[in-house]
Amino acid sequence: MYENKRIKWGSVLKKISIITVVLNGVSTIDKTIRSVINQDYDNIEYIIIDGGSTDGTIEIIEKYRDLIDIIISEQDSGLYNAMNKGIALASGEIIGIINSDDWYEEGAIAEVVEAFEKKPEMEILFGNMNYIMTDGRIVKYEQPPFRSLWHLMSVNHPATFVKREVYEKKGVFDEDFRISGDFELMNRFWSYGSIFGHLNKTLSCFSLGGISNSETELRDEENRYIREKYFDRELFVAGCLEDVVDKAFPIYLWGAGYGGRMLSGFLRDNNIVEGIIDVDSEKLGKRLNGIEIIRPDELPNCIVNIIISAYTRENEIRELIEKIYEDGHIVKSINDCYEAYEERLVLKNGECLKF
């Protein structure tokens, strides 16, 4: 029997529930379990939800039965169904979820509880994490800024801890998603004004090669749906018109690729984009979101706002604009629009606390 190494901190401690979901994880589940039961924090409720493994996973779990509070082994309808089962069973004030091929760093849980005690108003805490590459290398994950959560998963789910009352009031994982349910949940919580905090310490390690890395087409499709669902079009337009462009002059986009499609889609309802400039002959004369695609020489001979909608060629396009046009056009980029949007979004939904 594995020996419990937990250090007792005292008689009254916040209870923290840790959930591990697994299906046929025989090669990794042992390390995940040990990373939980070996934490130096005494009031941990550990729940394992197994989806009916047939590869020896259950036998490994049984080795630690005396140190695991709840074990469920039955078929489920997917990853998020299993997580929701665990959340429904959890009795701790704080809930963390660590999957069967990931693990917590030593001392992580104590750090988490201490942060919640310092900021009792905080509802969701996320820390840093490392990537475990398929060749075994450990690489620090460089996460995007929290305010980019609307379009990038800037909250590391294997290093995230949520007060149980948040799940009770604002819902659990949407089981319609196969891959991006965590992305949807964090955006839902943020849109509801939940108070996030970021602990600038590595709390967990995440193994690449899972479903989110293998089914990229489905992941991208789900992510696009979530971005559209929580995107505040009115806020974005206000940021563009008031913080980025000069409303006294017409607005044109440069680039009819992915960025142009995004921007024209966001702005089309307001009829504020006069045209989309592109040099690709196959696109010229067509419409993108109802807006005509024109050649650079078809731009009116007056001062206009030009928003560069290409993500990777901004400097090149700026040089081209300076070479083609004599008028002092007001040139901005899609990133200027996103920055203005994020500034307004954090005022609306809240910035995260820092530790």
Foldseek 3Di string as FASTA:
>chain_A
DDDQQAAEPDDDAFAEEEEEEDAQLVPFQLQAVCLPSNANYDRYAYEYEYQAHDNCPVVSVVVCVVSHNYYHYHHDDADQRSVVVSLVPDDTQKYAYAYRNKHWDHNLVVVVRVVCVVPVLAFKEFEWAWEQEPVRDTHTDDADAPLCLLQGVRGDRNRMMGGSVCCVVQHGFDVVAHACSVSLVVLSCLLVQHAYAYEHDHTMYHYPDDPCNPPVVSNVVVSVVSSVVNPDLVLLVCLCDPPNFDLVFAEEEEDPPPLVLVVCVSCVVVVRYAAYEYDDPVQAQHDRNNHHYHHPVPDDQAAHEYEYRDDPCVVVVVVVCVVPHPDPHRYHYPVSSVVSSSVVSCVNRNHHHYD
